[in-house]
PDB file of all heavy atoms in Angstrom:
ATOM      1  N   SER A   1     -80.325  -2.169 -44.805  1.00  0.00           N
ATOM      2  CA  SER A   1     -81.596  -2.711 -44.631  1.00  0.00           C
ATOM      3  C   SER A   1     -82.282  -1.693 -43.577  1.00  0.00           C
ATOM      4  O   SER A   1     -81.679  -0.921 -42.970  1.00  0.00           O
ATOM      5  CB  SER A   1     -81.633  -4.107 -44.005  1.00  0.00           C
ATOM      6  OG  SER A   1     -81.067  -4.095 -42.724  1.00  0.00           O
ATOM      7  N   ARG A   2     -83.615  -1.858 -43.481  1.00  0.00           N
ATOM      8  CA  ARG A   2     -84.370  -1.031 -42.556  1.00  0.00           C
ATOM      9  C   ARG A   2     -83.975  -1.269 -41.077  1.00  0.00           C
ATOM     10  O   ARG A   2     -83.881  -0.413 -40.219  1.00  0.00           O
ATOM     11  CB  ARG A   2     -85.840  -1.173 -42.668  1.00  0.00           C
ATOM     12  CG  ARG A   2     -86.374  -0.549 -43.970  1.00  0.00           C
ATOM     13  CD  ARG A   2     -87.886  -0.395 -43.888  1.00  0.00           C
ATOM     14  NE  ARG A   2     -88.350   0.599 -45.016  1.00  0.00           N
ATOM     15  CZ  ARG A   2     -89.408   1.451 -44.917  1.00  0.00           C
ATOM     16  NH1 ARG A   2     -90.095   1.549 -43.822  1.00  0.00           N
ATOM     17  NH2 ARG A   2     -89.773   2.208 -45.902  1.00  0.00           N
ATOM     18  N   ASP A   3     -83.592  -2.601 -40.821  1.00  0.00           N
ATOM     19  CA  ASP A   3     -83.151  -2.916 -39.400  1.00  0.00           C
ATOM     20  C   ASP A   3     -81.882  -2.187 -39.163  1.00  0.00           C
ATOM     21  O   ASP A   3     -81.680  -1.736 -38.036  1.00  0.00           O
ATOM     22  CB  ASP A   3     -83.132  -4.385 -39.321  1.00  0.00           C
ATOM     23  CG  ASP A   3     -84.501  -5.174 -39.323  1.00  0.00           C
ATOM     24  OD1 ASP A   3     -85.388  -4.390 -38.927  1.00  0.00           O
ATOM     25  OD2 ASP A   3     -84.496  -6.411 -39.443  1.00  0.00           O
ATOM     26  N   GLN A   4     -81.034  -2.192 -40.079  1.00  0.00           N
ATOM     27  CA  GLN A   4     -79.732  -1.498 -39.890  1.00  0.00           C
ATOM     28  C   GLN A   4     -79.916   0.021 -39.777  1.00  0.00           C
ATOM     29  O   GLN A   4     -79.200   0.647 -38.901  1.00  0.00           O
ATOM     30  CB  GLN A   4     -78.781  -1.855 -41.094  1.00  0.00           C
ATOM     31  CG  GLN A   4     -78.376  -3.294 -41.138  1.00  0.00           C
ATOM     32  CD  GLN A   4     -77.517  -3.643 -42.322  1.00  0.00           C
ATOM     33  OE1 GLN A   4     -77.815  -3.062 -43.461  1.00  0.00           O
ATOM     34  NE2 GLN A   4     -76.549  -4.598 -42.285  1.00  0.00           N
ATOM     35  N   VAL A   5     -80.904   0.512 -40.502  1.00  0.00           N
ATOM     36  CA  VAL A   5     -81.151   1.966 -40.422  1.00  0.00           C
ATOM     37  C   VAL A   5     -81.663   2.212 -38.968  1.00  0.00           C
ATOM     38  O   VAL A   5     -81.304   3.190 -38.308  1.00  0.00           O
ATOM     39  CB  VAL A   5     -82.123   2.322 -41.418  1.00  0.00           C
ATOM     40  CG1 VAL A   5     -82.747   3.697 -41.010  1.00  0.00           C
ATOM     41  CG2 VAL A   5     -81.404   2.428 -42.786  1.00  0.00           C
ATOM     42  N   SER A   6     -82.589   1.311 -38.430  1.00  0.00           N
ATOM     43  CA  SER A   6     -83.139   1.586 -37.152  1.00  0.00           C
ATOM     44  C   SER A   6     -82.037   1.471 -36.110  1.00  0.00           C
ATOM     45  O   SER A   6     -82.074   2.329 -35.144  1.00  0.00           O
ATOM     46  CB  SER A   6     -84.125   0.385 -36.833  1.00  0.00           C
ATOM     47  OG  SER A   6     -85.225   0.497 -37.726  1.00  0.00           O
ATOM     48  N   ASP A   7     -81.038   0.577 -36.173  1.00  0.00           N
ATOM     49  CA  ASP A   7     -79.984   0.664 -35.175  1.00  0.00           C
ATOM     50  C   ASP A   7     -79.201   1.920 -35.254  1.00  0.00           C
ATOM     51  O   ASP A   7     -78.804   2.542 -34.304  1.00  0.00           O
ATOM     52  CB  ASP A   7     -79.021  -0.613 -35.500  1.00  0.00           C
ATOM     53  CG  ASP A   7     -79.454  -1.878 -35.070  1.00  0.00           C
ATOM     54  OD1 ASP A   7     -80.509  -1.805 -34.239  1.00  0.00           O
ATOM     55  OD2 ASP A   7     -78.986  -2.995 -35.412  1.00  0.00           O
ATOM     56  N   LEU A   8     -78.880   2.348 -36.516  1.00  0.00           N
ATOM     57  CA  LEU A   8     -78.164   3.628 -36.611  1.00  0.00           C
ATOM     58  C   LEU A   8     -78.942   4.755 -36.034  1.00  0.00           C
ATOM     59  O   LEU A   8     -78.283   5.535 -35.307  1.00  0.00           O
ATOM     60  CB  LEU A   8     -77.995   3.813 -38.204  1.00  0.00           C
ATOM     61  CG  LEU A   8     -77.365   5.267 -38.505  1.00  0.00           C
ATOM     62  CD1 LEU A   8     -75.942   5.475 -37.924  1.00  0.00           C
ATOM     63  CD2 LEU A   8     -77.306   5.252 -39.999  1.00  0.00           C
ATOM     64  N   LEU A   9     -80.268   4.864 -36.317  1.00  0.00           N
ATOM     65  CA  LEU A   9     -81.012   5.909 -35.787  1.00  0.00           C
ATOM     66  C   LEU A   9     -81.051   6.028 -34.241  1.00  0.00           C
ATOM     67  O   LEU A   9     -81.054   6.949 -33.527  1.00  0.00           O
ATOM     68  CB  LEU A   9     -82.435   5.926 -36.295  1.00  0.00           C
ATOM     69  CG  LEU A   9     -82.545   6.363 -37.764  1.00  0.00           C
ATOM     70  CD1 LEU A   9     -83.966   6.016 -38.258  1.00  0.00           C
ATOM     71  CD2 LEU A   9     -82.384   7.838 -37.888  1.00  0.00           C
ATOM     72  N   PHE A  10     -81.146   4.741 -33.596  1.00  0.00           N
ATOM     73  CA  PHE A  10     -81.236   4.592 -32.106  1.00  0.00           C
ATOM     74  C   PHE A  10     -79.975   5.096 -31.492  1.00  0.00           C
ATOM     75  O   PHE A  10     -80.039   5.902 -30.513  1.00  0.00           O
ATOM     76  CB  PHE A  10     -81.466   3.037 -31.782  1.00  0.00           C
ATOM     77  CG  PHE A  10     -81.343   2.847 -30.294  1.00  0.00           C
ATOM     78  CD1 PHE A  10     -82.448   3.211 -29.526  1.00  0.00           C
ATOM     79  CD2 PHE A  10     -80.279   2.276 -29.769  1.00  0.00           C
ATOM     80  CE1 PHE A  10     -82.318   2.977 -28.099  1.00  0.00           C
ATOM     81  CE2 PHE A  10     -80.172   1.974 -28.370  1.00  0.00           C
ATOM     82  CZ  PHE A  10     -81.286   2.373 -27.621  1.00  0.00           C
ATOM     83  N   TYR A  11     -78.792   4.705 -32.019  1.00  0.00           N
ATOM     84  CA  TYR A  11     -77.601   5.126 -31.385  1.00  0.00           C
ATOM     85  C   TYR A  11     -77.323   6.552 -31.747  1.00  0.00           C
ATOM     86  O   TYR A  11     -76.675   7.283 -30.858  1.00  0.00           O
ATOM     87  CB  TYR A  11     -76.492   4.132 -31.880  1.00  0.00           C
ATOM     88  CG  TYR A  11     -76.506   2.822 -31.180  1.00  0.00           C
ATOM     89  CD1 TYR A  11     -76.873   1.690 -32.003  1.00  0.00           C
ATOM     90  CD2 TYR A  11     -76.260   2.633 -29.831  1.00  0.00           C
ATOM     91  CE1 TYR A  11     -76.933   0.470 -31.430  1.00  0.00           C
ATOM     92  CE2 TYR A  11     -76.322   1.407 -29.305  1.00  0.00           C
ATOM     93  CZ  TYR A  11     -76.851   0.297 -30.168  1.00  0.00           C
ATOM     94  OH  TYR A  11     -76.826  -0.962 -29.486  1.00  0.00           O
ATOM     95  N   ALA A  12     -77.652   7.005 -32.874  1.00  0.00           N
ATOM     96  CA  ALA A  12     -77.404   8.444 -33.256  1.00  0.00           C
ATOM     97  C   ALA A  12     -78.354   9.327 -32.291  1.00  0.00           C
ATOM     98  O   ALA A  12     -77.867  10.422 -31.822  1.00  0.00           O
ATOM     99  CB  ALA A  12     -77.802   8.708 -34.671  1.00  0.00           C
ATOM    100  N   PHE A  13     -79.507   8.839 -31.967  1.00  0.00           N
ATOM    101  CA  PHE A  13     -80.436   9.697 -31.170  1.00  0.00           C
ATOM    102  C   PHE A  13     -79.782   9.753 -29.739  1.00  0.00           C
ATOM    103  O   PHE A  13     -79.736  10.876 -29.180  1.00  0.00           O
ATOM    104  CB  PHE A  13     -81.749   8.972 -31.106  1.00  0.00           C
ATOM    105  CG  PHE A  13     -82.693   9.695 -30.200  1.00  0.00           C
ATOM    106  CD1 PHE A  13     -83.420  10.828 -30.537  1.00  0.00           C
ATOM    107  CD2 PHE A  13     -82.991   9.124 -28.845  1.00  0.00           C
ATOM    108  CE1 PHE A  13     -84.191  11.539 -29.671  1.00  0.00           C
ATOM    109  CE2 PHE A  13     -83.842   9.947 -28.049  1.00  0.00           C
ATOM    110  CZ  PHE A  13     -84.508  10.966 -28.422  1.00  0.00           C
ATOM    111  N   LEU A  14     -79.267   8.632 -29.138  1.00  0.00           N
ATOM    112  CA  LEU A  14     -78.654   8.652 -27.956  1.00  0.00           C
ATOM    113  C   LEU A  14     -77.374   9.624 -27.952  1.00  0.00           C
ATOM    114  O   LEU A  14     -77.120  10.344 -27.033  1.00  0.00           O
ATOM    115  CB  LEU A  14     -78.115   7.250 -27.568  1.00  0.00           C
ATOM    116  CG  LEU A  14     -79.206   6.305 -27.170  1.00  0.00           C
ATOM    117  CD1 LEU A  14     -78.496   4.913 -26.702  1.00  0.00           C
ATOM    118  CD2 LEU A  14     -79.985   6.813 -25.969  1.00  0.00           C
ATOM    119  N   GLY A  15     -76.601   9.516 -29.083  1.00  0.00           N
ATOM    120  CA  GLY A  15     -75.512  10.442 -29.273  1.00  0.00           C
ATOM    121  C   GLY A  15     -75.817  11.855 -29.228  1.00  0.00           C
ATOM    122  O   GLY A  15     -75.095  12.679 -28.502  1.00  0.00           O
ATOM    123  N   VAL A  16     -76.995  12.294 -29.856  1.00  0.00           N
ATOM    124  CA  VAL A  16     -77.449  13.664 -29.913  1.00  0.00           C
ATOM    125  C   VAL A  16     -77.713  14.080 -28.463  1.00  0.00           C
ATOM    126  O   VAL A  16     -77.303  15.255 -28.023  1.00  0.00           O
ATOM    127  CB  VAL A  16     -78.505  13.878 -30.731  1.00  0.00           C
ATOM    128  CG1 VAL A  16     -79.213  15.264 -30.699  1.00  0.00           C
ATOM    129  CG2 VAL A  16     -78.200  13.697 -32.275  1.00  0.00           C
ATOM    130  N   VAL A  17     -78.539  13.221 -27.749  1.00  0.00           N
ATOM    131  CA  VAL A  17     -79.038  13.734 -26.498  1.00  0.00           C
ATOM    132  C   VAL A  17     -77.937  13.803 -25.463  1.00  0.00           C
ATOM    133  O   VAL A  17     -77.642  14.800 -24.803  1.00  0.00           O
ATOM    134  CB  VAL A  17     -80.099  12.754 -25.928  1.00  0.00           C
ATOM    135  CG1 VAL A  17     -80.596  13.128 -24.579  1.00  0.00           C
ATOM    136  CG2 VAL A  17     -81.357  12.941 -26.952  1.00  0.00           C
ATOM    137  N   LEU A  18     -77.172  12.646 -25.265  1.00  0.00           N
ATOM    138  CA  LEU A  18     -76.112  12.534 -24.283  1.00  0.00           C
ATOM    139  C   LEU A  18     -75.072  13.542 -24.663  1.00  0.00           C
ATOM    140  O   LEU A  18     -74.462  14.259 -23.817  1.00  0.00           O
ATOM    141  CB  LEU A  18     -75.625  11.182 -24.098  1.00  0.00           C
ATOM    142  CG  LEU A  18     -76.614  10.152 -23.692  1.00  0.00           C
ATOM    143  CD1 LEU A  18     -76.077   8.701 -23.611  1.00  0.00           C
ATOM    144  CD2 LEU A  18     -77.151  10.510 -22.333  1.00  0.00           C
ATOM    145  N   GLY A  19     -74.538  13.430 -25.950  1.00  0.00           N
ATOM    146  CA  GLY A  19     -73.458  14.301 -26.370  1.00  0.00           C
ATOM    147  C   GLY A  19     -73.841  15.809 -26.268  1.00  0.00           C
ATOM    148  O   GLY A  19     -72.970  16.664 -25.895  1.00  0.00           O
ATOM    149  N   GLY A  20     -75.097  16.191 -26.767  1.00  0.00           N
ATOM    150  CA  GLY A  20     -75.496  17.503 -26.688  1.00  0.00           C
ATOM    151  C   GLY A  20     -75.513  18.082 -25.347  1.00  0.00           C
ATOM    152  O   GLY A  20     -75.140  19.247 -25.081  1.00  0.00           O
ATOM    153  N   ARG A  21     -75.966  17.367 -24.342  1.00  0.00           N
ATOM    154  CA  ARG A  21     -76.042  17.826 -22.860  1.00  0.00           C
ATOM    155  C   ARG A  21     -74.708  17.917 -22.358  1.00  0.00           C
ATOM    156  O   ARG A  21     -74.277  18.885 -21.725  1.00  0.00           O
ATOM    157  CB  ARG A  21     -76.936  16.949 -22.068  1.00  0.00           C
ATOM    158  CG  ARG A  21     -77.072  17.371 -20.611  1.00  0.00           C
ATOM    159  CD  ARG A  21     -77.575  18.831 -20.571  1.00  0.00           C
ATOM    160  NE  ARG A  21     -77.689  19.325 -19.280  1.00  0.00           N
ATOM    161  CZ  ARG A  21     -77.846  20.572 -18.971  1.00  0.00           C
ATOM    162  NH1 ARG A  21     -78.016  21.567 -19.869  1.00  0.00           N
ATOM    163  NH2 ARG A  21     -77.816  21.013 -17.671  1.00  0.00           N
ATOM    164  N   LEU A  22     -73.774  16.842 -22.598  1.00  0.00           N
ATOM    165  CA  LEU A  22     -72.482  16.853 -21.918  1.00  0.00           C
ATOM    166  C   LEU A  22     -71.639  18.001 -22.625  1.00  0.00           C
ATOM    167  O   LEU A  22     -70.896  18.682 -21.955  1.00  0.00           O
ATOM    168  CB  LEU A  22     -71.765  15.522 -22.305  1.00  0.00           C
ATOM    169  CG  LEU A  22     -72.275  14.358 -21.416  1.00  0.00           C
ATOM    170  CD1 LEU A  22     -71.679  13.080 -21.881  1.00  0.00           C
ATOM    171  CD2 LEU A  22     -71.979  14.571 -19.929  1.00  0.00           C
ATOM    172  N   GLY A  23     -71.889  18.161 -23.928  1.00  0.00           N
ATOM    173  CA  GLY A  23     -71.125  19.233 -24.625  1.00  0.00           C
ATOM    174  C   GLY A  23     -71.526  20.635 -24.005  1.00  0.00           C
ATOM    175  O   GLY A  23     -70.624  21.474 -23.856  1.00  0.00           O
ATOM    176  N   TYR A  24     -72.800  20.938 -23.789  1.00  0.00           N
ATOM    177  CA  TYR A  24     -73.134  22.191 -23.285  1.00  0.00           C
ATOM    178  C   TYR A  24     -72.570  22.414 -21.876  1.00  0.00           C
ATOM    179  O   TYR A  24     -72.087  23.551 -21.718  1.00  0.00           O
ATOM    180  CB  TYR A  24     -74.736  22.317 -23.230  1.00  0.00           C
ATOM    181  CG  TYR A  24     -75.093  23.742 -22.718  1.00  0.00           C
ATOM    182  CD1 TYR A  24     -75.346  24.792 -23.618  1.00  0.00           C
ATOM    183  CD2 TYR A  24     -75.210  24.055 -21.367  1.00  0.00           C
ATOM    184  CE1 TYR A  24     -75.504  25.995 -23.270  1.00  0.00           C
ATOM    185  CE2 TYR A  24     -75.502  25.341 -20.983  1.00  0.00           C
ATOM    186  CZ  TYR A  24     -75.714  26.307 -21.947  1.00  0.00           C
ATOM    187  OH  TYR A  24     -75.933  27.536 -21.538  1.00  0.00           O
ATOM    188  N   VAL A  25     -72.547  21.473 -21.126  1.00  0.00           N
ATOM    189  CA  VAL A  25     -72.063  21.544 -19.732  1.00  0.00           C
ATOM    190  C   VAL A  25     -70.670  21.807 -19.785  1.00  0.00           C
ATOM    191  O   VAL A  25     -70.114  22.691 -19.069  1.00  0.00           O
ATOM    192  CB  VAL A  25     -72.350  20.295 -18.903  1.00  0.00           C
ATOM    193  CG1 VAL A  25     -71.655  20.389 -17.535  1.00  0.00           C
ATOM    194  CG2 VAL A  25     -73.951  20.214 -18.695  1.00  0.00           C
ATOM    195  N   PHE A  26     -69.838  21.034 -20.486  1.00  0.00           N
ATOM    196  CA  PHE A  26     -68.357  21.253 -20.491  1.00  0.00           C
ATOM    197  C   PHE A  26     -67.944  22.442 -21.444  1.00  0.00           C
ATOM    198  O   PHE A  26     -66.889  22.939 -21.070  1.00  0.00           O
ATOM    199  CB  PHE A  26     -67.767  19.887 -21.018  1.00  0.00           C
ATOM    200  CG  PHE A  26     -67.784  18.843 -20.014  1.00  0.00           C
ATOM    201  CD1 PHE A  26     -68.695  17.830 -20.198  1.00  0.00           C
ATOM    202  CD2 PHE A  26     -66.940  18.803 -18.898  1.00  0.00           C
ATOM    203  CE1 PHE A  26     -68.751  16.732 -19.238  1.00  0.00           C
ATOM    204  CE2 PHE A  26     -67.054  17.767 -17.986  1.00  0.00           C
ATOM    205  CZ  PHE A  26     -67.998  16.739 -18.076  1.00  0.00           C
ATOM    206  N   PHE A  27     -68.683  22.809 -22.469  1.00  0.00           N
ATOM    207  CA  PHE A  27     -68.190  23.812 -23.266  1.00  0.00           C
ATOM    208  C   PHE A  27     -68.615  25.203 -22.754  1.00  0.00           C
ATOM    209  O   PHE A  27     -68.039  26.230 -22.915  1.00  0.00           O
ATOM    210  CB  PHE A  27     -68.779  23.734 -24.703  1.00  0.00           C
ATOM    211  CG  PHE A  27     -68.089  22.585 -25.429  1.00  0.00           C
ATOM    212  CD1 PHE A  27     -68.888  21.899 -26.432  1.00  0.00           C
ATOM    213  CD2 PHE A  27     -66.849  22.099 -25.322  1.00  0.00           C
ATOM    214  CE1 PHE A  27     -68.333  20.869 -27.075  1.00  0.00           C
ATOM    215  CE2 PHE A  27     -66.249  21.028 -25.922  1.00  0.00           C
ATOM    216  CZ  PHE A  27     -66.989  20.423 -26.907  1.00  0.00           C
ATOM    217  N   TYR A  28     -69.832  25.256 -22.235  1.00  0.00           N
ATOM    218  CA  TYR A  28     -70.547  26.511 -21.812  1.00  0.00           C
ATOM    219  C   TYR A  28     -70.952  26.640 -20.323  1.00  0.00           C
ATOM    220  O   TYR A  28     -71.062  27.751 -19.764  1.00  0.00           O
ATOM    221  CB  TYR A  28     -71.749  26.676 -22.605  1.00  0.00           C
ATOM    222  CG  TYR A  28     -71.589  26.739 -24.037  1.00  0.00           C
ATOM    223  CD1 TYR A  28     -71.820  25.579 -24.885  1.00  0.00           C
ATOM    224  CD2 TYR A  28     -71.140  27.951 -24.711  1.00  0.00           C
ATOM    225  CE1 TYR A  28     -71.750  25.682 -26.214  1.00  0.00           C
ATOM    226  CE2 TYR A  28     -71.101  27.965 -26.154  1.00  0.00           C
ATOM    227  CZ  TYR A  28     -71.221  26.869 -26.919  1.00  0.00           C
ATOM    228  OH  TYR A  28     -71.080  26.933 -28.143  1.00  0.00           O
ATOM    229  N   GLY A  29     -71.005  25.602 -19.574  1.00  0.00           N
ATOM    230  CA  GLY A  29     -71.485  25.644 -18.223  1.00  0.00           C
ATOM    231  C   GLY A  29     -70.628  25.022 -17.135  1.00  0.00           C
ATOM    232  O   GLY A  29     -71.032  24.460 -16.189  1.00  0.00           O
ATOM    233  N   TRP A  30     -69.232  24.936 -17.394  1.00  0.00           N
ATOM    234  CA  TRP A  30     -68.344  24.161 -16.544  1.00  0.00           C
ATOM    235  C   TRP A  30     -68.461  24.748 -15.170  1.00  0.00           C
ATOM    236  O   TRP A  30     -68.391  24.022 -14.137  1.00  0.00           O
ATOM    237  CB  TRP A  30     -66.912  24.303 -17.223  1.00  0.00           C
ATOM    238  CG  TRP A  30     -65.919  23.561 -16.255  1.00  0.00           C
ATOM    239  CD1 TRP A  30     -64.924  24.149 -15.656  1.00  0.00           C
ATOM    240  CD2 TRP A  30     -65.708  22.194 -16.183  1.00  0.00           C
ATOM    241  NE1 TRP A  30     -64.173  23.185 -14.972  1.00  0.00           N
ATOM    242  CE2 TRP A  30     -64.605  22.067 -15.397  1.00  0.00           C
ATOM    243  CE3 TRP A  30     -66.462  21.149 -16.641  1.00  0.00           C
ATOM    244  CZ2 TRP A  30     -64.183  20.773 -15.031  1.00  0.00           C
ATOM    245  CZ3 TRP A  30     -66.055  19.833 -16.265  1.00  0.00           C
ATOM    246  CH2 TRP A  30     -64.994  19.655 -15.452  1.00  0.00           C
ATOM    247  N   GLN A  31     -68.419  26.140 -15.065  1.00  0.00           N
ATOM    248  CA  GLN A  31     -68.501  26.602 -13.642  1.00  0.00           C
ATOM    249  C   GLN A  31     -69.647  26.285 -12.836  1.00  0.00           C
ATOM    250  O   GLN A  31     -69.629  26.189 -11.649  1.00  0.00           O
ATOM    251  CB  GLN A  31     -68.343  28.196 -13.791  1.00  0.00           C
ATOM    252  CG  GLN A  31     -69.582  28.965 -14.308  1.00  0.00           C
ATOM    253  CD  GLN A  31     -69.534  29.007 -15.839  1.00  0.00           C
ATOM    254  OE1 GLN A  31     -69.063  28.136 -16.415  1.00  0.00           O
ATOM    255  NE2 GLN A  31     -70.059  30.122 -16.351  1.00  0.00           N
ATOM    256  N   TRP A  32     -70.858  26.107 -13.543  1.00  0.00           N
ATOM    257  CA  TRP A  32     -72.067  25.729 -12.866  1.00  0.00           C
ATOM    258  C   TRP A  32     -71.956  24.239 -12.393  1.00  0.00           C
ATOM    259  O   TRP A  32     -72.545  23.798 -11.292  1.00  0.00           O
ATOM    260  CB  TRP A  32     -73.238  25.948 -13.781  1.00  0.00           C
ATOM    261  CG  TRP A  32     -73.496  27.337 -14.030  1.00  0.00           C
ATOM    262  CD1 TRP A  32     -73.256  28.430 -13.115  1.00  0.00           C
ATOM    263  CD2 TRP A  32     -74.180  27.935 -15.155  1.00  0.00           C
ATOM    264  NE1 TRP A  32     -73.698  29.645 -13.739  1.00  0.00           N
ATOM    265  CE2 TRP A  32     -74.229  29.336 -14.978  1.00  0.00           C
ATOM    266  CE3 TRP A  32     -74.652  27.357 -16.282  1.00  0.00           C
ATOM    267  CZ2 TRP A  32     -74.689  30.212 -15.942  1.00  0.00           C
ATOM    268  CZ3 TRP A  32     -75.181  28.272 -17.241  1.00  0.00           C
ATOM    269  CH2 TRP A  32     -75.174  29.572 -17.156  1.00  0.00           C
ATOM    270  N   LEU A  33     -71.266  23.377 -13.242  1.00  0.00           N
ATOM    271  CA  LEU A  33     -71.139  22.074 -12.932  1.00  0.00           C
ATOM    272  C   LEU A  33     -70.220  21.914 -11.610  1.00  0.00           C
ATOM    273  O   LEU A  33     -70.461  21.011 -10.722  1.00  0.00           O
ATOM    274  CB  LEU A  33     -70.506  21.258 -13.965  1.00  0.00           C
ATOM    275  CG  LEU A  33     -70.258  19.732 -13.760  1.00  0.00           C
ATOM    276  CD1 LEU A  33     -71.607  18.964 -13.644  1.00  0.00           C
ATOM    277  CD2 LEU A  33     -69.500  19.133 -14.977  1.00  0.00           C
ATOM    278  N   LEU A  34     -69.294  22.739 -11.507  1.00  0.00           N
ATOM    279  CA  LEU A  34     -68.294  22.751 -10.375  1.00  0.00           C
ATOM    280  C   LEU A  34     -69.148  23.149  -9.151  1.00  0.00           C
ATOM    281  O   LEU A  34     -68.829  22.606  -8.019  1.00  0.00           O
ATOM    282  CB  LEU A  34     -67.176  23.673 -10.496  1.00  0.00           C
ATOM    283  CG  LEU A  34     -66.234  23.343 -11.647  1.00  0.00           C
ATOM    284  CD1 LEU A  34     -65.105  24.277 -11.728  1.00  0.00           C
ATOM    285  CD2 LEU A  34     -65.573  21.914 -11.378  1.00  0.00           C
ATOM    286  N   GLU A  35     -70.103  24.125  -9.230  1.00  0.00           N
ATOM    287  CA  GLU A  35     -70.855  24.610  -8.087  1.00  0.00           C
ATOM    288  C   GLU A  35     -71.870  23.548  -7.730  1.00  0.00           C
ATOM    289  O   GLU A  35     -72.231  23.348  -6.555  1.00  0.00           O
ATOM    290  CB  GLU A  35     -71.521  25.906  -8.459  1.00  0.00           C
ATOM    291  CG  GLU A  35     -70.478  26.993  -8.615  1.00  0.00           C
ATOM    292  CD  GLU A  35     -71.199  28.211  -9.147  1.00  0.00           C
ATOM    293  OE1 GLU A  35     -72.427  28.263  -9.330  1.00  0.00           O
ATOM    294  OE2 GLU A  35     -70.438  29.321  -9.374  1.00  0.00           O
ATOM    295  N   ASP A  36     -72.534  22.801  -8.751  1.00  0.00           N
ATOM    296  CA  ASP A  36     -73.535  21.955  -8.494  1.00  0.00           C
ATOM    297  C   ASP A  36     -73.401  20.735  -9.422  1.00  0.00           C
ATOM    298  O   ASP A  36     -73.776  20.827 -10.586  1.00  0.00           O
ATOM    299  CB  ASP A  36     -74.903  22.614  -8.661  1.00  0.00           C
ATOM    300  CG  ASP A  36     -76.095  21.612  -8.535  1.00  0.00           C
ATOM    301  OD1 ASP A  36     -75.888  20.525  -7.981  1.00  0.00           O
ATOM    302  OD2 ASP A  36     -77.208  21.935  -8.886  1.00  0.00           O
TER     303      ASP A  36
END
């Protein structure tokens, strides 16, 4: 249903934003996280 699609999109969007940022920091910027 459209309501189920809306739920899927909402959580997928959170996953993209949070996962994307955490992934960059841990895969590519770990040393900067340790400094700051």
